[in-house]
Structure formats: structure tokens, C-alpha cells
Amino acid sequence: MTKLLNIGMVGYGFMARAHSNAWSSVSHFFETGYKPVLKAAAARNASKLRHFADMWGYESVESDWRALMARKDIDAIDICVPNDLHAEI
């Protein structure tokens, strides 16, 4: 039985696009027992975030990564922001 894995994405740039593509296609390459669901994306720029979320099929957006972290419906957070921002997130 395949379990859903709800993904939260922080960021919307190149790496977030690359990782979103990977989450969307991982089941074609590996039998993980999980079906990734692009649940929510978070970033500061609302218009760019909305465009990213719509393009990749994220179900919802958050304007602050802390709100994404607090959500109980997210199983894994994928941090795709510049390296110097990783530590705090």
C-alpha cells in the first residue's frame, strides 16, 4: 500500500523547480512506498510564489516559512533557498 508523503517547499527558484520535478517523478524511477504530494510552498514574494505553486501544482502557499513548519499536514520540508539561509530555516 502506497502512503502519501505531503511535501512542503521553501523557495521558488531554480532549485525549488528542480526538486519539485524530482518529487513529481520519483515514483517513475524508484519504488519507495510513498506517493509525494506537493502540499504547500512558502516564500516571501507572493506573486512569484503563486506562479510557482500554480505551475508545479502545489495545493497551497504560505508567505512565511515558519507557518509552513507549523502545519500538521506536512510530512517533509524541502529547503530550496540560498545556502546562507539554510541554517535558520
C-alpha atoms as a PDB file:
ATOM      1  CA  MET A   1       0.000   0.000   0.000  1.00  0.00           C
ATOM      2  CA  THR A   2       1.385   3.395  -1.017  1.00  0.00           C
ATOM      3  CA  LYS A   3       1.396   6.091   1.657  1.00  0.00           C
ATOM      4  CA  LEU A   4       1.026   9.781   0.892  1.00  0.00           C
ATOM      5  CA  LEU A   5       4.040  11.962   1.714  1.00  0.00           C
ATOM      6  CA  ASN A   6       2.987  15.616   1.979  1.00  0.00           C
ATOM      7  CA  ILE A   7       5.812  17.874   0.820  1.00  0.00           C
ATOM      8  CA  GLY A   8       6.387  21.457   1.934  1.00  0.00           C
ATOM      9  CA  MET A   9       8.742  23.503  -0.266  1.00  0.00           C
ATOM     10  CA  VAL A  10      10.626  26.592   0.900  1.00  0.00           C
ATOM     11  CA  GLY A  11      11.627  28.713  -2.087  1.00  0.00           C
ATOM     12  CA  TYR A  12      10.580  29.033  -5.731  1.00  0.00           C
ATOM     13  CA  GLY A  13      13.807  29.473  -7.707  1.00  0.00           C
ATOM     14  CA  PHE A  14      15.811  27.088  -9.858  1.00  0.00           C
ATOM     15  CA  MET A  15      16.496  24.531  -7.118  1.00  0.00           C
ATOM     16  CA  ALA A  16      12.861  24.531  -5.969  1.00  0.00           C
ATOM     17  CA  ARG A  17      11.833  23.815  -9.560  1.00  0.00           C
ATOM     18  CA  ALA A  18      14.407  21.030  -9.864  1.00  0.00           C
ATOM     19  CA  HIS A  19      13.285  19.462  -6.590  1.00  0.00           C
ATOM     20  CA  SER A  20       9.585  19.832  -7.482  1.00  0.00           C
ATOM     21  CA  ASN A  21      10.292  17.998 -10.713  1.00  0.00           C
ATOM     22  CA  ALA A  22      12.097  15.278  -8.761  1.00  0.00           C
ATOM     23  CA  TRP A  23       9.254  14.884  -6.253  1.00  0.00           C
ATOM     24  CA  SER A  24       6.777  14.679  -9.130  1.00  0.00           C
ATOM     25  CA  SER A  25       8.691  11.961 -10.971  1.00  0.00           C
ATOM     26  CA  VAL A  26      10.461   9.933  -8.253  1.00  0.00           C
ATOM     27  CA  SER A  27       7.875   7.142  -8.411  1.00  0.00           C
ATOM     28  CA  HIS A  28       8.766   6.518 -12.057  1.00  0.00           C
ATOM     29  CA  PHE A  29      12.325   5.622 -11.007  1.00  0.00           C
ATOM     30  CA  PHE A  30      12.043   4.084  -7.542  1.00  0.00           C
ATOM     31  CA  GLU A  31       9.533   2.036  -5.585  1.00  0.00           C
ATOM     32  CA  THR A  32       9.563   3.965  -2.337  1.00  0.00           C
ATOM     33  CA  GLY A  33       6.214   3.001  -0.872  1.00  0.00           C
ATOM     34  CA  TYR A  34       5.277   6.688  -0.852  1.00  0.00           C
ATOM     35  CA  LYS A  35       3.408   8.971  -3.217  1.00  0.00           C
ATOM     36  CA  PRO A  36       4.733  12.536  -2.868  1.00  0.00           C
ATOM     37  CA  VAL A  37       2.037  15.209  -2.718  1.00  0.00           C
ATOM     38  CA  LEU A  38       3.111  18.798  -3.422  1.00  0.00           C
ATOM     39  CA  LYS A  39       1.140  20.130  -0.463  1.00  0.00           C
ATOM     40  CA  ALA A  40       2.410  23.668   0.163  1.00  0.00           C
ATOM     41  CA  ALA A  41       5.134  26.112  -0.844  1.00  0.00           C
ATOM     42  CA  ALA A  42       6.456  29.060   1.142  1.00  0.00           C
ATOM     43  CA  ALA A  43       8.354  32.206   0.160  1.00  0.00           C
ATOM     44  CA  ARG A  44       8.297  35.965   0.705  1.00  0.00           C
ATOM     45  CA  ASN A  45       7.301  37.199  -2.761  1.00  0.00           C
ATOM     46  CA  ALA A  46       3.593  36.351  -3.014  1.00  0.00           C
ATOM     47  CA  SER A  47       3.169  36.828  -6.778  1.00  0.00           C
ATOM     48  CA  LYS A  48       6.255  34.783  -7.710  1.00  0.00           C
ATOM     49  CA  LEU A  49       5.282  32.136  -5.167  1.00  0.00           C
ATOM     50  CA  ARG A  50       1.740  31.880  -6.540  1.00  0.00           C
ATOM     51  CA  HIS A  51       3.066  31.499 -10.093  1.00  0.00           C
ATOM     52  CA  PHE A  52       5.495  28.773  -8.955  1.00  0.00           C
ATOM     53  CA  ALA A  53       2.812  26.938  -6.955  1.00  0.00           C
ATOM     54  CA  ASP A  54       0.344  27.035  -9.845  1.00  0.00           C
ATOM     55  CA  MET A  55       2.960  25.881 -12.354  1.00  0.00           C
ATOM     56  CA  TRP A  56       4.014  22.863 -10.268  1.00  0.00           C
ATOM     57  CA  GLY A  57       0.645  22.004  -8.732  1.00  0.00           C
ATOM     58  CA  TYR A  58       1.178  22.864  -5.077  1.00  0.00           C
ATOM     59  CA  GLU A  59      -2.125  22.806  -3.209  1.00  0.00           C
ATOM     60  CA  SER A  60      -1.481  25.924  -1.134  1.00  0.00           C
ATOM     61  CA  VAL A  61       1.044  28.629  -0.282  1.00  0.00           C
ATOM     62  CA  GLU A  62       2.413  30.276   2.855  1.00  0.00           C
ATOM     63  CA  SER A  63       4.022  33.727   2.979  1.00  0.00           C
ATOM     64  CA  ASP A  64       6.361  32.712   5.814  1.00  0.00           C
ATOM     65  CA  TRP A  65       8.399  29.512   6.125  1.00  0.00           C
ATOM     66  CA  ARG A  66       7.572  29.395   9.848  1.00  0.00           C
ATOM     67  CA  ALA A  67       3.890  28.931   9.021  1.00  0.00           C
ATOM     68  CA  LEU A  68       4.817  26.045   6.728  1.00  0.00           C
ATOM     69  CA  MET A  69       6.872  24.437   9.515  1.00  0.00           C
ATOM     70  CA  ALA A  70       3.950  24.738  11.926  1.00  0.00           C
ATOM     71  CA  ARG A  71       1.493  22.918   9.672  1.00  0.00           C
ATOM     72  CA  LYS A  72       0.451  19.481  10.883  1.00  0.00           C
ATOM     73  CA  ASP A  73      -0.361  18.280   7.352  1.00  0.00           C
ATOM     74  CA  ILE A  74       3.261  18.474   6.120  1.00  0.00           C
ATOM     75  CA  ASP A  75       5.458  15.375   6.412  1.00  0.00           C
ATOM     76  CA  ALA A  76       8.712  16.659   4.880  1.00  0.00           C
ATOM     77  CA  ILE A  77      10.155  20.118   4.284  1.00  0.00           C
ATOM     78  CA  ASP A  78      12.399  20.659   1.251  1.00  0.00           C
ATOM     79  CA  ILE A  79      14.573  23.752   1.749  1.00  0.00           C
ATOM     80  CA  CYS A  80      15.494  25.251  -1.633  1.00  0.00           C
ATOM     81  CA  VAL A  81      16.822  28.701  -0.810  1.00  0.00           C
ATOM     82  CA  PRO A  82      20.351  30.127  -0.981  1.00  0.00           C
ATOM     83  CA  ASN A  83      22.813  28.238   1.232  1.00  0.00           C
ATOM     84  CA  ASP A  84      23.311  31.089   3.695  1.00  0.00           C
ATOM     85  CA  LEU A  85      19.612  30.888   4.639  1.00  0.00           C
ATOM     86  CA  HIS A  86      19.539  27.133   5.351  1.00  0.00           C
ATOM     87  CA  ALA A  87      20.734  27.222   8.952  1.00  0.00           C
ATOM     88  CA  GLU A  88      17.916  29.387  10.312  1.00  0.00           C
ATOM     89  CA  ILE A  89      15.211  27.512   8.403  1.00  0.00           C
END
